[in-house]
Amino acid sequence: MVLRSGTAYSCFVSTPETVTRSRTRQAIIDAAITVWASDPGASLADIAAAAGVGRTTLHRYFAERQDLLSTLATEIAGRLAEADRRAKLEDGTGLEATLRLVREYHDLGDALSFMFAGQVDVYAAFSAVAAPCTANSAIARGMADGSLDDQLTPEWVESMMWSALYSAWAYTNEHGGSRHESLRLVVRSLEGAVGRR
């Protein structure tokens, strides 16, 4: 990309070095999410090994454990925001939109597991990149269009959504259920719990 400022030109190009640095950083982030999702007590050495880098390399990118945790909060918040966009919450009935969001969140896999492990406040980071209660607009619409039980409150339905997602995560991790099966169960359970009868 070339930017012009007066008569001077500046060129910003991706060099092999910057591409490699970016890939290494992302490999560390992805490894940390995967490792800490299953073992919150894992060391930075464990993260480095999973990322295929030395511990010295990891420390060049993230000096302390907290630096990496803070980066993960931002990373997962971004993934949640992207899931919201993919769910197209403005389309269809409120129930349909809510169930699409559940499917998108469920597909986040280890990122969702890491969030449930509670090592960082992903919600605060999410609020910085998206509306803090993105599901609420779809839920409120569902109350108005009759697809969701209007005897419930939007806050209760959202709480049920997260509880169902947590149950799907626990089912997969504790009982050996497949992700496909846990998704089927979470959608069916949530639809039965909050859908208009």
N, C-alpha and C. Protein backbone atom coordinates (compact mmCIF):
# COMPACT_ATOMS: atom_id res chain seq x y z
N MET A 1 0.85 -1.18 0.00
CA MET A 1 0.00 0.00 0.00
C MET A 1 0.89 1.23 0.00
N VAL A 2 0.58 2.25 -0.82
CA VAL A 2 1.36 3.47 -0.90
C VAL A 2 0.52 4.63 -0.41
N LEU A 3 1.04 5.39 0.54
CA LEU A 3 0.34 6.56 1.08
C LEU A 3 1.11 7.81 0.68
N ARG A 4 0.38 8.86 0.28
CA ARG A 4 1.05 10.10 -0.11
C ARG A 4 0.81 11.16 0.96
N SER A 5 1.87 11.80 1.39
CA SER A 5 1.77 12.90 2.35
C SER A 5 2.58 14.06 1.78
N GLY A 6 1.89 15.09 1.24
CA GLY A 6 2.59 16.16 0.54
C GLY A 6 3.27 15.58 -0.67
N THR A 7 4.58 15.77 -0.75
CA THR A 7 5.32 15.21 -1.89
C THR A 7 6.09 13.95 -1.52
N ALA A 8 5.98 13.56 -0.22
CA ALA A 8 6.71 12.37 0.22
C ALA A 8 5.81 11.14 0.12
N TYR A 9 6.38 10.04 -0.20
CA TYR A 9 5.64 8.79 -0.29
C TYR A 9 6.17 7.83 0.77
N SER A 10 5.24 7.06 1.31
CA SER A 10 5.62 6.01 2.26
C SER A 10 5.09 4.68 1.74
N CYS A 11 5.90 3.66 1.80
CA CYS A 11 5.48 2.33 1.38
C CYS A 11 5.42 1.42 2.60
N PHE A 12 4.28 0.73 2.74
CA PHE A 12 4.13 -0.25 3.80
C PHE A 12 3.90 -1.58 3.11
N VAL A 13 4.86 -2.46 3.23
CA VAL A 13 4.73 -3.77 2.60
C VAL A 13 4.99 -4.85 3.63
N SER A 14 4.38 -5.99 3.42
CA SER A 14 4.63 -7.13 4.29
C SER A 14 5.92 -7.79 3.85
N THR A 15 6.89 -7.80 4.74
CA THR A 15 8.15 -8.47 4.46
C THR A 15 8.05 -9.90 4.98
N PRO A 16 8.91 -10.79 4.50
CA PRO A 16 8.91 -12.15 5.03
C PRO A 16 9.06 -12.17 6.55
N GLU A 17 9.85 -11.22 7.08
CA GLU A 17 10.06 -11.17 8.53
C GLU A 17 8.78 -10.83 9.27
N THR A 18 8.02 -9.82 8.76
CA THR A 18 6.79 -9.44 9.46
C THR A 18 5.74 -10.54 9.34
N VAL A 19 5.69 -11.21 8.19
CA VAL A 19 4.75 -12.32 8.02
C VAL A 19 5.09 -13.44 9.00
N THR A 20 6.38 -13.76 9.12
CA THR A 20 6.81 -14.82 10.04
C THR A 20 6.48 -14.45 11.48
N ARG A 21 6.74 -13.19 11.85
CA ARG A 21 6.44 -12.74 13.21
C ARG A 21 4.94 -12.84 13.49
N SER A 22 4.14 -12.44 12.53
CA SER A 22 2.70 -12.51 12.70
C SER A 22 2.22 -13.95 12.86
N ARG A 23 2.78 -14.84 12.05
CA ARG A 23 2.41 -16.26 12.14
C ARG A 23 2.84 -16.86 13.47
N THR A 24 4.04 -16.51 13.91
CA THR A 24 4.53 -17.04 15.19
C THR A 24 3.67 -16.56 16.34
N ARG A 25 3.35 -15.28 16.32
CA ARG A 25 2.49 -14.72 17.38
C ARG A 25 1.13 -15.42 17.40
N GLN A 26 0.54 -15.63 16.22
CA GLN A 26 -0.77 -16.28 16.16
C GLN A 26 -0.67 -17.74 16.58
N ALA A 27 0.43 -18.39 16.26
CA ALA A 27 0.62 -19.79 16.68
C ALA A 27 0.67 -19.89 18.20
N ILE A 28 1.32 -18.92 18.84
CA ILE A 28 1.38 -18.90 20.30
C ILE A 28 -0.01 -18.68 20.88
N ILE A 29 -0.75 -17.73 20.31
CA ILE A 29 -2.10 -17.44 20.79
C ILE A 29 -3.00 -18.67 20.65
N ASP A 30 -2.97 -19.30 19.48
CA ASP A 30 -3.81 -20.48 19.24
C ASP A 30 -3.43 -21.62 20.18
N ALA A 31 -2.12 -21.81 20.38
CA ALA A 31 -1.67 -22.87 21.28
C ALA A 31 -2.11 -22.59 22.71
N ALA A 32 -2.02 -21.34 23.13
CA ALA A 32 -2.42 -20.98 24.50
C ALA A 32 -3.90 -21.25 24.71
N ILE A 33 -4.73 -20.91 23.74
CA ILE A 33 -6.16 -21.16 23.86
C ILE A 33 -6.42 -22.66 24.00
N THR A 34 -5.79 -23.45 23.14
CA THR A 34 -6.00 -24.91 23.17
C THR A 34 -5.51 -25.53 24.47
N VAL A 35 -4.30 -25.15 24.89
CA VAL A 35 -3.71 -25.76 26.08
C VAL A 35 -4.45 -25.33 27.33
N TRP A 36 -4.67 -24.02 27.49
CA TRP A 36 -5.32 -23.54 28.71
C TRP A 36 -6.81 -23.88 28.75
N ALA A 37 -7.41 -24.17 27.61
CA ALA A 37 -8.82 -24.60 27.62
C ALA A 37 -8.97 -25.92 28.37
N SER A 38 -7.96 -26.78 28.26
CA SER A 38 -8.05 -28.08 28.92
C SER A 38 -7.25 -28.14 30.23
N ASP A 39 -6.27 -27.25 30.37
CA ASP A 39 -5.43 -27.25 31.57
C ASP A 39 -5.05 -25.82 31.94
N PRO A 40 -5.92 -25.13 32.72
CA PRO A 40 -5.64 -23.73 33.09
C PRO A 40 -4.33 -23.53 33.84
N GLY A 41 -3.79 -24.60 34.42
CA GLY A 41 -2.55 -24.48 35.17
C GLY A 41 -1.29 -24.73 34.35
N ALA A 42 -1.46 -24.96 33.06
CA ALA A 42 -0.30 -25.23 32.20
C ALA A 42 0.66 -24.05 32.21
N SER A 43 1.95 -24.37 32.09
CA SER A 43 2.98 -23.33 32.14
C SER A 43 3.20 -22.69 30.78
N LEU A 44 3.94 -21.59 30.79
CA LEU A 44 4.31 -20.96 29.52
C LEU A 44 5.21 -21.88 28.70
N ALA A 45 5.98 -22.72 29.37
CA ALA A 45 6.81 -23.69 28.66
C ALA A 45 5.92 -24.68 27.91
N ASP A 46 4.80 -25.05 28.52
CA ASP A 46 3.84 -25.95 27.85
C ASP A 46 3.25 -25.27 26.61
N ILE A 47 2.95 -23.98 26.74
CA ILE A 47 2.40 -23.22 25.61
C ILE A 47 3.42 -23.14 24.49
N ALA A 48 4.66 -22.84 24.85
CA ALA A 48 5.73 -22.74 23.84
C ALA A 48 5.88 -24.06 23.09
N ALA A 49 5.88 -25.16 23.84
CA ALA A 49 6.03 -26.48 23.21
C ALA A 49 4.87 -26.76 22.26
N ALA A 50 3.65 -26.43 22.68
CA ALA A 50 2.49 -26.67 21.82
C ALA A 50 2.52 -25.79 20.58
N ALA A 51 3.11 -24.61 20.70
CA ALA A 51 3.21 -23.70 19.55
C ALA A 51 4.39 -24.03 18.64
N GLY A 52 5.26 -24.92 19.11
CA GLY A 52 6.42 -25.29 18.31
C GLY A 52 7.52 -24.24 18.33
N VAL A 53 7.60 -23.49 19.44
CA VAL A 53 8.65 -22.47 19.58
C VAL A 53 9.35 -22.67 20.91
N GLY A 54 10.50 -22.04 21.05
CA GLY A 54 11.21 -22.08 22.32
C GLY A 54 10.60 -21.09 23.30
N ARG A 55 10.89 -21.32 24.58
CA ARG A 55 10.34 -20.42 25.58
C ARG A 55 10.88 -19.00 25.42
N THR A 56 12.14 -18.87 25.01
CA THR A 56 12.72 -17.55 24.77
C THR A 56 11.94 -16.81 23.69
N THR A 57 11.57 -17.55 22.63
CA THR A 57 10.77 -16.94 21.56
C THR A 57 9.43 -16.48 22.09
N LEU A 58 8.78 -17.33 22.88
CA LEU A 58 7.48 -16.93 23.45
C LEU A 58 7.61 -15.65 24.25
N HIS A 59 8.68 -15.55 25.06
CA HIS A 59 8.86 -14.36 25.90
C HIS A 59 9.17 -13.11 25.09
N ARG A 60 9.66 -13.26 23.87
CA ARG A 60 9.86 -12.08 23.03
C ARG A 60 8.51 -11.47 22.63
N TYR A 61 7.49 -12.30 22.54
CA TYR A 61 6.15 -11.83 22.17
C TYR A 61 5.31 -11.48 23.40
N PHE A 62 5.45 -12.28 24.45
CA PHE A 62 4.65 -12.09 25.67
C PHE A 62 5.58 -12.27 26.86
N ALA A 63 5.95 -11.15 27.46
CA ALA A 63 6.96 -11.18 28.53
C ALA A 63 6.47 -11.94 29.75
N GLU A 64 5.19 -11.79 30.07
CA GLU A 64 4.64 -12.41 31.27
C GLU A 64 3.37 -13.19 30.92
N ARG A 65 3.00 -14.08 31.80
CA ARG A 65 1.76 -14.87 31.63
C ARG A 65 0.56 -13.94 31.44
N GLN A 66 0.50 -12.87 32.26
CA GLN A 66 -0.64 -11.95 32.19
C GLN A 66 -0.72 -11.25 30.84
N ASP A 67 0.42 -10.97 30.23
CA ASP A 67 0.41 -10.34 28.90
C ASP A 67 -0.28 -11.25 27.89
N LEU A 68 0.02 -12.53 27.98
CA LEU A 68 -0.61 -13.49 27.06
C LEU A 68 -2.09 -13.64 27.38
N LEU A 69 -2.44 -13.70 28.65
CA LEU A 69 -3.85 -13.82 29.03
C LEU A 69 -4.66 -12.62 28.55
N SER A 70 -4.10 -11.42 28.68
CA SER A 70 -4.80 -10.22 28.22
C SER A 70 -5.01 -10.26 26.71
N THR A 71 -4.00 -10.74 25.99
CA THR A 71 -4.12 -10.87 24.54
C THR A 71 -5.20 -11.88 24.18
N LEU A 72 -5.28 -12.98 24.95
CA LEU A 72 -6.29 -13.99 24.68
C LEU A 72 -7.70 -13.45 24.89
N ALA A 73 -7.88 -12.60 25.90
CA ALA A 73 -9.19 -12.01 26.14
C ALA A 73 -9.63 -11.21 24.91
N THR A 74 -8.71 -10.42 24.37
CA THR A 74 -9.02 -9.62 23.18
C THR A 74 -9.27 -10.52 21.97
N GLU A 75 -8.45 -11.55 21.82
CA GLU A 75 -8.60 -12.48 20.69
C GLU A 75 -9.97 -13.17 20.72
N ILE A 76 -10.35 -13.67 21.88
CA ILE A 76 -11.62 -14.40 21.98
C ILE A 76 -12.80 -13.45 21.84
N ALA A 77 -12.66 -12.23 22.38
CA ALA A 77 -13.71 -11.23 22.18
C ALA A 77 -13.93 -10.97 20.70
N GLY A 78 -12.84 -10.89 19.95
CA GLY A 78 -12.96 -10.69 18.50
C GLY A 78 -13.64 -11.87 17.82
N ARG A 79 -13.35 -13.08 18.28
CA ARG A 79 -14.01 -14.26 17.71
C ARG A 79 -15.50 -14.28 18.03
N LEU A 80 -15.85 -13.85 19.24
CA LEU A 80 -17.27 -13.76 19.61
C LEU A 80 -17.98 -12.74 18.72
N ALA A 81 -17.33 -11.60 18.51
CA ALA A 81 -17.94 -10.55 17.68
C ALA A 81 -18.13 -11.05 16.25
N GLU A 82 -17.15 -11.80 15.74
CA GLU A 82 -17.27 -12.36 14.39
C GLU A 82 -18.38 -13.39 14.33
N ALA A 83 -18.53 -14.18 15.40
CA ALA A 83 -19.63 -15.15 15.47
C ALA A 83 -20.98 -14.44 15.43
N ASP A 84 -21.07 -13.31 16.12
CA ASP A 84 -22.30 -12.51 16.09
C ASP A 84 -22.63 -12.09 14.66
N ARG A 85 -21.61 -11.65 13.93
CA ARG A 85 -21.84 -11.20 12.55
C ARG A 85 -22.28 -12.36 11.66
N ARG A 86 -21.64 -13.51 11.84
CA ARG A 86 -22.01 -14.68 11.03
C ARG A 86 -23.43 -15.15 11.34
N ALA A 87 -23.89 -14.95 12.57
CA ALA A 87 -25.23 -15.41 12.97
C ALA A 87 -26.34 -14.59 12.34
N LYS A 88 -26.02 -13.42 11.78
CA LYS A 88 -27.02 -12.56 11.13
C LYS A 88 -28.26 -12.41 12.03
N LEU A 89 -28.02 -11.81 13.18
CA LEU A 89 -29.04 -11.73 14.21
C LEU A 89 -30.28 -10.94 13.80
N GLU A 90 -30.16 -10.16 12.72
CA GLU A 90 -31.31 -9.37 12.28
C GLU A 90 -32.25 -10.18 11.38
N ASP A 91 -31.85 -11.38 10.97
CA ASP A 91 -32.67 -12.19 10.06
C ASP A 91 -33.57 -13.17 10.79
N GLY A 92 -34.76 -13.42 10.22
CA GLY A 92 -35.66 -14.45 10.74
C GLY A 92 -36.29 -14.07 12.07
N THR A 93 -36.93 -15.05 12.70
CA THR A 93 -37.54 -14.81 14.00
C THR A 93 -36.47 -14.68 15.06
N GLY A 94 -36.86 -14.16 16.20
CA GLY A 94 -35.91 -14.03 17.30
C GLY A 94 -35.37 -15.37 17.74
N LEU A 95 -36.23 -16.40 17.77
CA LEU A 95 -35.77 -17.74 18.16
C LEU A 95 -34.76 -18.27 17.15
N GLU A 96 -35.05 -18.13 15.86
CA GLU A 96 -34.13 -18.59 14.83
C GLU A 96 -32.77 -17.91 14.96
N ALA A 97 -32.79 -16.59 15.19
CA ALA A 97 -31.54 -15.84 15.32
C ALA A 97 -30.76 -16.29 16.55
N THR A 98 -31.47 -16.51 17.65
CA THR A 98 -30.82 -16.94 18.88
C THR A 98 -30.18 -18.31 18.71
N LEU A 99 -30.88 -19.22 18.04
CA LEU A 99 -30.33 -20.56 17.82
C LEU A 99 -29.15 -20.53 16.85
N ARG A 100 -29.19 -19.63 15.86
CA ARG A 100 -28.02 -19.47 14.98
C ARG A 100 -26.81 -18.99 15.78
N LEU A 101 -27.06 -18.07 16.71
CA LEU A 101 -25.96 -17.56 17.54
C LEU A 101 -25.38 -18.68 18.40
N VAL A 102 -26.25 -19.52 18.96
CA VAL A 102 -25.78 -20.65 19.76
C VAL A 102 -24.89 -21.56 18.91
N ARG A 103 -25.30 -21.83 17.67
CA ARG A 103 -24.49 -22.68 16.79
C ARG A 103 -23.12 -22.04 16.51
N GLU A 104 -23.13 -20.73 16.26
CA GLU A 104 -21.87 -20.04 15.99
C GLU A 104 -20.95 -20.05 17.22
N TYR A 105 -21.52 -19.78 18.39
CA TYR A 105 -20.71 -19.80 19.60
C TYR A 105 -20.19 -21.21 19.88
N HIS A 106 -21.02 -22.21 19.69
CA HIS A 106 -20.61 -23.58 19.91
C HIS A 106 -19.41 -23.94 19.04
N ASP A 107 -19.40 -23.42 17.80
CA ASP A 107 -18.31 -23.71 16.87
C ASP A 107 -16.98 -23.06 17.26
N LEU A 108 -17.00 -22.19 18.27
CA LEU A 108 -15.75 -21.57 18.71
C LEU A 108 -14.84 -22.57 19.44
N GLY A 109 -15.39 -23.70 19.83
CA GLY A 109 -14.60 -24.79 20.39
C GLY A 109 -13.74 -24.41 21.57
N ASP A 110 -12.41 -24.54 21.40
CA ASP A 110 -11.49 -24.28 22.51
C ASP A 110 -11.57 -22.86 23.04
N ALA A 111 -11.89 -21.91 22.17
CA ALA A 111 -12.02 -20.52 22.62
C ALA A 111 -13.15 -20.41 23.65
N LEU A 112 -14.25 -21.11 23.39
CA LEU A 112 -15.36 -21.11 24.33
C LEU A 112 -14.97 -21.83 25.62
N SER A 113 -14.25 -22.95 25.48
CA SER A 113 -13.78 -23.69 26.66
C SER A 113 -12.86 -22.83 27.51
N PHE A 114 -11.95 -22.09 26.86
CA PHE A 114 -11.05 -21.20 27.59
C PHE A 114 -11.85 -20.13 28.33
N MET A 115 -12.87 -19.59 27.68
CA MET A 115 -13.69 -18.56 28.30
C MET A 115 -14.39 -19.12 29.54
N PHE A 116 -14.93 -20.33 29.43
CA PHE A 116 -15.63 -20.94 30.56
C PHE A 116 -14.68 -21.25 31.71
N ALA A 117 -13.40 -21.44 31.40
CA ALA A 117 -12.42 -21.72 32.46
C ALA A 117 -12.23 -20.51 33.37
N GLY A 118 -12.62 -19.31 32.89
CA GLY A 118 -12.67 -18.12 33.73
C GLY A 118 -11.35 -17.50 34.12
N GLN A 119 -10.31 -17.70 33.31
CA GLN A 119 -9.02 -17.09 33.67
C GLN A 119 -8.96 -15.60 33.39
N VAL A 120 -9.77 -15.14 32.45
CA VAL A 120 -9.78 -13.71 32.10
C VAL A 120 -11.22 -13.26 31.90
N ASP A 121 -11.43 -11.96 31.96
CA ASP A 121 -12.76 -11.39 31.76
C ASP A 121 -12.96 -11.10 30.27
N VAL A 122 -13.40 -12.13 29.55
CA VAL A 122 -13.64 -11.97 28.12
C VAL A 122 -14.79 -11.00 27.88
N TYR A 123 -15.79 -11.00 28.77
CA TYR A 123 -16.95 -10.15 28.59
C TYR A 123 -16.56 -8.68 28.51
N ALA A 124 -15.62 -8.25 29.37
CA ALA A 124 -15.18 -6.85 29.35
C ALA A 124 -14.52 -6.53 28.02
N ALA A 125 -13.68 -7.46 27.53
CA ALA A 125 -13.03 -7.23 26.23
C ALA A 125 -14.06 -7.24 25.11
N PHE A 126 -15.05 -8.12 25.21
CA PHE A 126 -16.11 -8.20 24.20
C PHE A 126 -16.89 -6.90 24.13
N SER A 127 -17.16 -6.31 25.27
CA SER A 127 -17.90 -5.05 25.32
C SER A 127 -17.16 -3.93 24.60
N ALA A 128 -15.84 -4.05 24.52
CA ALA A 128 -15.05 -3.02 23.85
C ALA A 128 -15.10 -3.14 22.34
N VAL A 129 -15.43 -4.34 21.83
CA VAL A 129 -15.43 -4.52 20.37
C VAL A 129 -16.82 -4.75 19.79
N ALA A 130 -17.83 -4.94 20.66
CA ALA A 130 -19.19 -5.19 20.18
C ALA A 130 -20.18 -4.70 21.22
N ALA A 131 -21.44 -4.67 20.83
CA ALA A 131 -22.48 -4.32 21.80
C ALA A 131 -22.42 -5.33 22.94
N PRO A 132 -22.51 -4.87 24.20
CA PRO A 132 -22.31 -5.77 25.33
C PRO A 132 -23.34 -6.89 25.42
N CYS A 133 -24.54 -6.70 24.90
CA CYS A 133 -25.58 -7.73 24.97
C CYS A 133 -26.12 -7.98 23.57
N THR A 134 -25.30 -8.48 22.69
CA THR A 134 -25.70 -8.65 21.30
C THR A 134 -26.89 -9.58 21.16
N ALA A 135 -26.94 -10.61 21.99
CA ALA A 135 -28.04 -11.56 21.90
C ALA A 135 -29.37 -10.93 22.28
N ASN A 136 -29.33 -9.89 23.11
CA ASN A 136 -30.57 -9.33 23.63
C ASN A 136 -31.50 -8.78 22.56
N SER A 137 -30.94 -8.23 21.47
CA SER A 137 -31.81 -7.67 20.43
C SER A 137 -32.60 -8.79 19.76
N ALA A 138 -31.94 -9.92 19.49
CA ALA A 138 -32.64 -11.05 18.88
C ALA A 138 -33.65 -11.64 19.86
N ILE A 139 -33.28 -11.71 21.11
CA ILE A 139 -34.19 -12.26 22.12
C ILE A 139 -35.41 -11.37 22.30
N ALA A 140 -35.17 -10.06 22.38
CA ALA A 140 -36.30 -9.13 22.52
C ALA A 140 -37.23 -9.23 21.31
N ARG A 141 -36.65 -9.40 20.12
CA ARG A 141 -37.48 -9.56 18.93
C ARG A 141 -38.30 -10.84 19.01
N GLY A 142 -37.68 -11.90 19.55
CA GLY A 142 -38.39 -13.16 19.70
C GLY A 142 -39.57 -13.06 20.64
N MET A 143 -39.42 -12.23 21.67
CA MET A 143 -40.55 -12.00 22.59
C MET A 143 -41.68 -11.28 21.86
N ALA A 144 -41.30 -10.34 21.00
CA ALA A 144 -42.30 -9.55 20.28
C ALA A 144 -42.95 -10.33 19.15
N ASP A 145 -42.18 -11.20 18.47
CA ASP A 145 -42.77 -11.90 17.31
C ASP A 145 -43.43 -13.23 17.69
N GLY A 146 -43.37 -13.57 18.98
CA GLY A 146 -44.06 -14.76 19.44
C GLY A 146 -43.27 -16.05 19.32
N SER A 147 -42.01 -15.99 18.87
CA SER A 147 -41.23 -17.22 18.74
C SER A 147 -40.57 -17.64 20.05
N LEU A 148 -40.41 -16.69 20.97
CA LEU A 148 -39.88 -16.98 22.30
C LEU A 148 -40.97 -16.79 23.35
N ASP A 149 -40.86 -17.54 24.41
CA ASP A 149 -41.84 -17.50 25.50
C ASP A 149 -41.82 -16.12 26.16
N ASP A 150 -42.90 -15.37 26.01
CA ASP A 150 -42.92 -14.02 26.56
C ASP A 150 -43.16 -13.98 28.06
N GLN A 151 -43.29 -15.15 28.69
CA GLN A 151 -43.36 -15.20 30.14
C GLN A 151 -41.96 -15.19 30.77
N LEU A 152 -40.95 -15.30 29.92
CA LEU A 152 -39.57 -15.21 30.37
C LEU A 152 -39.07 -13.80 30.14
N THR A 153 -37.91 -13.48 30.66
CA THR A 153 -37.30 -12.17 30.40
C THR A 153 -36.11 -12.36 29.45
N PRO A 154 -35.73 -11.31 28.70
CA PRO A 154 -34.56 -11.44 27.82
C PRO A 154 -33.30 -11.85 28.58
N GLU A 155 -33.14 -11.33 29.79
CA GLU A 155 -31.96 -11.66 30.59
C GLU A 155 -31.94 -13.15 30.95
N TRP A 156 -33.14 -13.69 31.26
CA TRP A 156 -33.24 -15.12 31.60
C TRP A 156 -32.92 -15.98 30.39
N VAL A 157 -33.44 -15.60 29.23
CA VAL A 157 -33.19 -16.38 28.01
C VAL A 157 -31.70 -16.37 27.68
N GLU A 158 -31.05 -15.21 27.82
CA GLU A 158 -29.62 -15.14 27.55
C GLU A 158 -28.85 -16.01 28.53
N SER A 159 -29.27 -15.98 29.80
CA SER A 159 -28.62 -16.82 30.80
C SER A 159 -28.80 -18.30 30.46
N MET A 160 -29.98 -18.66 29.99
CA MET A 160 -30.24 -20.04 29.57
C MET A 160 -29.34 -20.42 28.38
N MET A 161 -29.14 -19.48 27.47
CA MET A 161 -28.29 -19.73 26.32
C MET A 161 -26.87 -20.09 26.76
N TRP A 162 -26.30 -19.27 27.66
CA TRP A 162 -24.94 -19.52 28.13
C TRP A 162 -24.88 -20.79 28.96
N SER A 163 -25.92 -21.06 29.74
CA SER A 163 -25.95 -22.29 30.54
C SER A 163 -25.98 -23.52 29.63
N ALA A 164 -26.76 -23.44 28.56
CA ALA A 164 -26.83 -24.55 27.62
C ALA A 164 -25.49 -24.76 26.92
N LEU A 165 -24.82 -23.68 26.55
CA LEU A 165 -23.51 -23.79 25.93
C LEU A 165 -22.50 -24.40 26.91
N TYR A 166 -22.57 -23.99 28.16
CA TYR A 166 -21.68 -24.57 29.16
C TYR A 166 -21.95 -26.07 29.31
N SER A 167 -23.23 -26.43 29.32
CA SER A 167 -23.59 -27.85 29.43
C SER A 167 -23.05 -28.65 28.25
N ALA A 168 -23.10 -28.06 27.05
CA ALA A 168 -22.58 -28.74 25.86
C ALA A 168 -21.07 -28.94 26.00
N TRP A 169 -20.38 -27.92 26.49
CA TRP A 169 -18.94 -28.01 26.71
C TRP A 169 -18.63 -29.11 27.73
N ALA A 170 -19.36 -29.11 28.85
CA ALA A 170 -19.13 -30.11 29.89
C ALA A 170 -19.43 -31.52 29.38
N TYR A 171 -20.49 -31.65 28.62
CA TYR A 171 -20.88 -32.95 28.06
C TYR A 171 -19.75 -33.52 27.19
N THR A 172 -19.21 -32.67 26.35
CA THR A 172 -18.15 -33.10 25.45
C THR A 172 -16.89 -33.47 26.23
N ASN A 173 -16.53 -32.65 27.21
CA ASN A 173 -15.28 -32.84 27.93
C ASN A 173 -15.34 -33.89 29.03
N GLU A 174 -16.50 -34.05 29.65
CA GLU A 174 -16.59 -34.95 30.79
C GLU A 174 -17.18 -36.31 30.44
N HIS A 175 -17.97 -36.37 29.38
CA HIS A 175 -18.65 -37.62 29.06
C HIS A 175 -18.26 -38.19 27.70
N GLY A 176 -17.33 -37.53 27.05
CA GLY A 176 -16.84 -38.05 25.77
C GLY A 176 -17.82 -37.91 24.62
N GLY A 177 -18.81 -37.04 24.78
CA GLY A 177 -19.76 -36.83 23.69
C GLY A 177 -19.09 -36.11 22.53
N SER A 178 -19.58 -36.37 21.33
CA SER A 178 -19.02 -35.68 20.16
C SER A 178 -19.52 -34.24 20.12
N ARG A 179 -18.78 -33.40 19.44
CA ARG A 179 -19.21 -32.00 19.30
C ARG A 179 -20.50 -31.92 18.51
N HIS A 180 -20.66 -32.78 17.51
CA HIS A 180 -21.89 -32.79 16.72
C HIS A 180 -23.09 -33.12 17.61
N GLU A 181 -22.92 -34.13 18.46
CA GLU A 181 -24.01 -34.53 19.35
C GLU A 181 -24.31 -33.45 20.39
N SER A 182 -23.26 -32.84 20.94
CA SER A 182 -23.49 -31.81 21.95
C SER A 182 -24.21 -30.61 21.34
N LEU A 183 -23.89 -30.28 20.08
CA LEU A 183 -24.59 -29.18 19.42
C LEU A 183 -26.07 -29.53 19.21
N ARG A 184 -26.34 -30.75 18.79
CA ARG A 184 -27.74 -31.17 18.61
C ARG A 184 -28.51 -31.05 19.94
N LEU A 185 -27.88 -31.50 21.00
CA LEU A 185 -28.54 -31.48 22.31
C LEU A 185 -28.75 -30.06 22.81
N VAL A 186 -27.74 -29.20 22.63
CA VAL A 186 -27.88 -27.84 23.14
C VAL A 186 -28.98 -27.08 22.39
N VAL A 187 -29.05 -27.25 21.08
CA VAL A 187 -30.08 -26.56 20.29
C VAL A 187 -31.46 -27.08 20.66
N ARG A 188 -31.60 -28.40 20.75
CA ARG A 188 -32.91 -28.98 21.09
C ARG A 188 -33.35 -28.57 22.49
N SER A 189 -32.42 -28.62 23.44
CA SER A 189 -32.75 -28.25 24.83
C SER A 189 -33.15 -26.79 24.94
N LEU A 190 -32.38 -25.92 24.30
CA LEU A 190 -32.66 -24.49 24.40
C LEU A 190 -33.97 -24.15 23.71
N GLU A 191 -34.20 -24.74 22.53
CA GLU A 191 -35.44 -24.47 21.81
C GLU A 191 -36.64 -24.91 22.65
N GLY A 192 -36.53 -26.08 23.31
CA GLY A 192 -37.62 -26.55 24.15
C GLY A 192 -37.81 -25.71 25.40
N ALA A 193 -36.72 -25.15 25.91
CA ALA A 193 -36.80 -24.38 27.15
C ALA A 193 -37.34 -22.98 26.97
N VAL A 194 -37.00 -22.33 25.86
CA VAL A 194 -37.36 -20.91 25.72
C VAL A 194 -38.29 -20.63 24.55
N GLY A 195 -38.49 -21.62 23.65
CA GLY A 195 -39.37 -21.41 22.51
C GLY A 195 -40.83 -21.33 22.93
N ARG A 196 -41.61 -20.60 22.16
CA ARG A 196 -43.04 -20.46 22.44
C ARG A 196 -43.76 -21.77 22.17
N ARG A 197 -44.50 -22.25 23.11
CA ARG A 197 -45.24 -23.50 22.94
C ARG A 197 -46.63 -23.22 22.40
